[in-house]
């Protein structure tokens, strides 16, 4: 599979780290990255600078070859994050116009094994809370995540950096919405949180960082996702939201476990 990225796209890849559940291939996948070159440098000089930028750590098994302004990266890296960072660092070297990536990633036979590790990575992310929601899929090592996260930090990038380090992930596709940075939404979250803590059905789970249900507040509209234990909890949680002043709309997508 061949991919071409301009310098602007390369900068975007660095900020976002390139775009959740897929299978690895043992064959070499070649991807082509092209950027405009400002000045010609001798190939040995380019190779020396690229090798210096990729010294040690996750890059110790990478081999570098140069033909003109084209750099080829081959060898093996431990995960997708290392592969993308190696490409980014190579693009930063003066005189590099094209990067051909033949870097190999480790392989997992089953998507289910990758999915389990991705879920662990998300659950270990301490900033994933009741006010965020994520869902996803994996197809042959390609992880796709969608959902919604609060805007108080760069959660999209932080999630990518965790998931891209999972063994077996071949690529990462991000379809995550960032909620509006609204002071009104922040106030609604505070009010809803207090109401949950005073409810006999939700006082315990509302204290959890990542409970089984999630409340997405965006532009004064609320979407309920995840799971509750009973029809009583289903109805009560929706009622709590609907009776909160300032809520414009409620979309209840909760599922009942029993």
Protein backbone atom coordinates (compact mmCIF):
# COMPACT_ATOMS: atom_id res chain seq x y z
CA UNK A 1 0.00 0.00 0.00
CA UNK A 2 1.39 3.41 -0.97
CA UNK A 3 0.70 6.69 0.84
CA UNK A 4 1.92 10.17 -0.06
CA UNK A 5 2.14 12.95 2.54
CA UNK A 6 3.14 16.57 1.89
CA UNK A 7 5.18 18.57 4.40
CA UNK A 8 1.96 20.17 5.64
CA UNK A 9 0.46 16.72 6.12
CA UNK A 10 3.66 15.61 7.80
CA UNK A 11 3.35 18.48 10.27
CA UNK A 12 -0.23 17.44 10.90
CA UNK A 13 0.95 13.88 11.48
CA UNK A 14 3.43 15.18 14.05
CA UNK A 15 0.76 17.15 15.90
CA UNK A 16 -1.78 14.36 15.78
CA UNK A 17 0.60 11.43 15.25
CA UNK A 18 -1.19 10.00 12.22
CA UNK A 19 -4.30 8.24 12.35
CA UNK A 20 -9.40 1.41 16.97
CA UNK A 21 -9.13 -2.37 16.41
CA UNK A 22 -6.93 -4.36 13.48
CA UNK A 23 -4.46 -7.31 12.44
CA UNK A 24 -0.75 -7.07 11.64
CA UNK A 25 0.85 -8.30 8.51
CA UNK A 26 4.27 -9.88 8.46
CA UNK A 27 4.99 -8.66 4.95
CA UNK A 28 6.72 -5.32 4.55
CA UNK A 29 4.33 -2.43 3.99
CA UNK A 30 5.82 0.41 1.97
CA UNK A 31 4.52 3.94 2.52
CA UNK A 32 5.79 6.97 0.65
CA UNK A 33 6.09 10.39 2.26
CA UNK A 34 6.95 13.35 0.05
CA UNK A 35 7.89 16.88 1.12
CA UNK A 36 9.31 19.81 -0.79
CA UNK A 37 13.08 20.13 -0.41
CA UNK A 38 14.65 23.50 0.18
CA UNK A 39 18.29 22.64 -0.51
CA UNK A 40 20.23 19.68 -1.82
CA UNK A 41 22.56 17.87 0.55
CA UNK A 42 24.97 15.05 -0.29
CA UNK A 43 23.44 11.63 0.31
CA UNK A 44 26.08 10.60 2.89
CA UNK A 45 25.39 13.76 4.88
CA UNK A 46 21.62 13.09 4.81
CA UNK A 47 22.16 9.50 5.89
CA UNK A 48 24.38 10.58 8.75
CA UNK A 49 21.84 13.10 10.01
CA UNK A 50 18.93 10.67 9.71
CA UNK A 51 20.85 7.97 11.56
CA UNK A 52 21.73 10.47 14.28
CA UNK A 53 18.05 11.43 14.69
CA UNK A 54 17.05 7.76 14.96
CA UNK A 55 19.74 6.66 17.39
CA UNK A 56 18.88 4.09 20.07
CA UNK A 57 15.67 3.23 21.88
CA UNK A 58 12.77 2.10 19.73
CA UNK A 59 14.80 2.92 16.60
CA UNK A 60 17.83 0.69 17.22
CA UNK A 61 16.79 -1.90 14.59
CA UNK A 62 16.14 0.64 11.81
CA UNK A 63 18.40 0.69 8.76
CA UNK A 64 18.72 3.85 6.68
CA UNK A 65 19.60 4.12 3.00
CA UNK A 66 19.63 7.23 0.83
CA UNK A 67 19.31 7.76 -2.90
CA UNK A 68 19.45 11.43 -3.76
CA UNK A 69 16.85 13.13 -1.60
CA UNK A 70 14.94 9.89 -0.95
CA UNK A 71 15.39 8.06 2.35
CA UNK A 72 14.35 4.45 2.84
CA UNK A 73 13.72 3.19 6.37
CA UNK A 74 13.80 -0.58 6.78
CA UNK A 75 14.04 -3.01 9.65
CA UNK A 76 11.72 -3.48 12.61
CA UNK A 77 10.15 -1.27 15.28
CA UNK A 78 8.24 -2.39 18.38
CA UNK A 79 4.98 -0.55 17.66
CA UNK A 80 3.10 1.88 15.43
CA UNK A 81 4.06 4.91 17.50
CA UNK A 82 7.76 4.23 16.92
CA UNK A 83 7.17 3.81 13.19
CA UNK A 84 5.34 7.11 12.85
CA UNK A 85 7.90 8.96 14.97
CA UNK A 86 10.73 7.56 12.86
CA UNK A 87 9.05 8.93 9.73
CA UNK A 88 8.46 12.30 11.42
CA UNK A 89 12.07 12.63 12.53
CA UNK A 90 13.31 11.72 9.06
CA UNK A 91 11.07 14.36 7.50
CA UNK A 92 12.69 16.97 9.74
CA UNK A 93 16.14 16.35 8.32
CA UNK A 94 17.22 19.03 5.86
CA UNK A 95 17.44 17.76 2.27
CA UNK A 96 14.98 14.90 2.68
CA UNK A 97 12.30 15.00 -0.02
CA UNK A 98 10.81 11.50 0.13
CA UNK A 99 10.65 8.83 2.82
CA UNK A 100 9.95 5.24 1.84
CA UNK A 101 8.95 3.27 4.92
CA UNK A 102 9.55 -0.47 4.83
CA UNK A 103 9.42 -0.77 8.60
CA UNK A 104 7.95 -3.98 9.97
CA UNK A 105 5.62 -4.10 12.98
CA UNK A 106 5.09 -7.08 15.30
CA UNK A 107 2.20 -9.38 14.51
CA UNK A 108 -0.75 -10.62 16.56
CA UNK A 109 -2.82 -13.42 15.04
CA UNK A 110 -6.16 -12.43 16.55
CA UNK A 111 -7.89 -9.05 16.47
CA UNK A 112 -9.56 -10.02 19.75
CA UNK A 113 -6.16 -10.07 21.48
CA UNK A 114 -5.39 -6.58 20.17
CA UNK A 115 -8.85 -5.35 21.21
CA UNK A 116 -8.33 -6.56 24.76
CA UNK A 117 -5.04 -4.65 25.03
CA UNK A 118 -6.56 -1.52 23.49
CA UNK A 119 -9.36 -1.60 26.07
CA UNK A 120 -6.76 -1.92 28.83
CA UNK A 121 -4.85 1.07 27.43
CA UNK A 122 -8.02 3.19 27.43
CA UNK A 123 -9.01 2.12 30.93
CA UNK A 124 -5.53 2.97 32.22
CA UNK A 125 -5.80 6.48 30.77
CA UNK A 126 -6.52 8.51 33.88
CA UNK A 127 -8.26 11.36 32.04
CA UNK A 128 -10.96 9.15 30.49
CA UNK A 129 -14.00 9.94 32.65
CA UNK A 130 -17.77 9.71 32.95
CA UNK A 131 -18.00 12.75 30.62
CA UNK A 132 -16.18 10.97 27.76
CA UNK A 133 -17.35 8.10 25.60
CA UNK A 134 -15.41 5.84 23.23
CA UNK A 135 -16.32 2.95 20.99
CA UNK A 136 -14.36 1.30 18.24
CA UNK A 137 -13.54 -1.58 15.99
CA UNK A 138 -10.51 -3.58 14.84
CA UNK A 139 -10.03 -5.02 11.39
CA UNK A 140 -6.78 -6.83 10.62
CA UNK A 141 -4.86 -4.78 13.16
CA UNK A 142 -6.34 -1.43 12.12
CA UNK A 143 -7.89 0.30 15.11
CA UNK A 144 -10.75 2.77 14.58
CA UNK A 145 -12.00 4.82 17.52
CA UNK A 146 -15.05 7.04 17.58
CA UNK A 147 -16.89 8.81 20.34
CA UNK A 148 -16.65 12.11 22.19
CA UNK A 149 -14.18 13.60 24.68
CA UNK A 150 -14.10 16.76 26.78
CA UNK A 151 -11.91 19.63 25.55
CA UNK A 152 -9.95 20.27 28.74
CA UNK A 153 -6.78 18.59 27.33
CA UNK A 154 -5.53 16.98 24.11
CA UNK A 155 -7.19 13.64 24.78
CA UNK A 156 -7.19 12.63 21.11
CA UNK A 157 -3.40 12.80 20.94
CA UNK A 158 -2.92 11.18 24.34
CA UNK A 159 -5.21 8.28 23.44
CA UNK A 160 -3.41 7.80 20.13
CA UNK A 161 -0.02 7.65 21.85
CA UNK A 162 -1.26 4.91 24.17
CA UNK A 163 -3.07 2.83 21.57
CA UNK A 164 -0.27 3.12 18.99
CA UNK A 165 2.04 1.38 21.48
CA UNK A 166 -0.19 -1.72 21.69
CA UNK A 167 1.48 -4.72 20.10
CA UNK A 168 -0.19 -5.72 16.85
CA UNK A 169 -1.75 -2.37 15.97
CA UNK A 170 -0.96 -1.71 12.30
CA UNK A 171 -2.73 1.62 11.90
CA UNK A 172 -4.96 3.97 13.84
CA UNK A 173 -7.99 5.86 12.56
CA UNK A 174 -9.47 8.61 14.68
CA UNK A 175 -13.12 9.60 14.44
CA UNK A 176 -13.35 11.14 17.93
CA UNK A 177 -15.32 14.34 18.44
CA UNK A 178 -14.00 17.00 20.80
CA UNK A 179 -16.83 18.61 22.74
CA UNK A 180 -17.29 22.38 22.63
CA UNK A 181 -15.23 24.35 25.21
CA UNK A 182 -18.39 25.77 26.76
CA UNK A 183 -18.62 27.21 30.27
CA UNK A 184 -22.34 26.41 30.20
CA UNK A 185 -21.55 22.74 29.52
CA UNK A 186 -19.07 22.73 32.41
CA UNK A 187 -21.80 24.03 34.73
CA UNK A 188 -24.21 21.36 33.51
CA UNK A 189 -21.64 18.64 34.23
CA UNK A 190 -21.22 19.97 37.77
CA UNK A 191 -24.98 20.03 38.39
CA UNK A 192 -25.51 16.55 36.95
CA UNK A 193 -22.58 15.22 38.99
CA UNK A 194 -24.06 16.55 42.23
CA UNK A 195 -27.45 15.03 41.41
CA UNK A 196 -25.88 11.62 40.75
CA UNK A 197 -24.06 11.73 44.08
CA UNK A 198 -27.34 12.36 45.88
CA UNK A 199 -29.09 9.44 44.12
CA UNK A 200 -29.32 6.13 45.95
CA UNK A 201 -28.85 4.29 42.64
CA UNK A 202 -25.86 6.26 41.37
CA UNK A 203 -24.02 7.62 44.41
CA UNK A 204 -21.44 4.80 44.28
CA UNK A 205 -20.83 4.62 40.54
CA UNK A 206 -20.82 8.42 40.18
CA UNK A 207 -17.65 8.47 42.29
CA UNK A 208 -15.88 6.24 39.77
CA UNK A 209 -13.57 7.86 37.23
CA UNK A 210 -14.82 5.53 34.49
CA UNK A 211 -18.25 4.10 35.40
CA UNK A 212 -20.18 1.73 33.10
CA UNK A 213 -22.38 4.60 31.86
CA UNK A 214 -21.16 7.83 30.26
CA UNK A 215 -22.74 11.27 29.97
CA UNK A 216 -21.73 13.33 26.94
CA UNK A 217 -22.59 17.01 27.33
CA UNK A 218 -22.08 19.12 24.22
CA UNK A 219 -23.68 22.50 23.50
CA UNK A 220 -26.31 21.86 26.21
CA UNK A 221 -27.39 18.57 24.61
CA UNK A 222 -26.83 15.31 26.46
CA UNK A 223 -26.24 11.80 25.11
CA UNK A 224 -26.31 8.86 27.52
CA UNK A 225 -24.14 5.90 26.54
CA UNK A 226 -23.01 2.67 28.16
CA UNK A 227 -24.77 0.36 30.59
CA UNK A 228 -26.96 0.46 33.68
CA UNK A 229 -28.07 -2.38 35.93
CA UNK A 230 -31.84 -2.11 35.62
CA UNK A 231 -34.81 -0.39 34.01
CA UNK A 232 -35.13 1.68 37.19
CA UNK A 233 -31.63 3.08 36.72
CA UNK A 234 -32.33 3.61 33.02
CA UNK A 235 -35.39 5.74 33.74
CA UNK A 236 -33.89 7.54 36.74
CA UNK A 237 -30.72 8.62 34.93
CA UNK A 238 -32.75 10.00 32.04
CA UNK A 239 -35.05 11.79 34.48
CA UNK A 240 -32.07 13.37 36.29
CA UNK A 241 -30.83 14.76 32.98
CA UNK A 242 -34.22 15.97 31.75
CA UNK A 243 -34.92 17.76 35.03
CA UNK A 244 -31.62 19.66 34.87
CA UNK A 245 -32.27 23.25 33.90
CA UNK A 246 -30.41 24.30 30.78
CA UNK A 247 -30.50 20.93 29.00
CA UNK A 248 -31.89 21.37 25.50
CA UNK A 249 -32.06 17.76 24.35
CA UNK A 250 -31.54 14.25 25.72
CA UNK A 251 -30.60 11.19 23.64
CA UNK A 252 -30.79 8.09 25.82
CA UNK A 253 -28.75 5.26 24.27
CA UNK A 254 -28.21 3.38 27.53
CA UNK A 255 -28.39 -0.40 27.52
CA UNK A 256 -29.82 -2.39 30.43
CA UNK A 257 -27.79 -5.35 31.62
CA UNK A 258 -30.76 -7.18 33.12
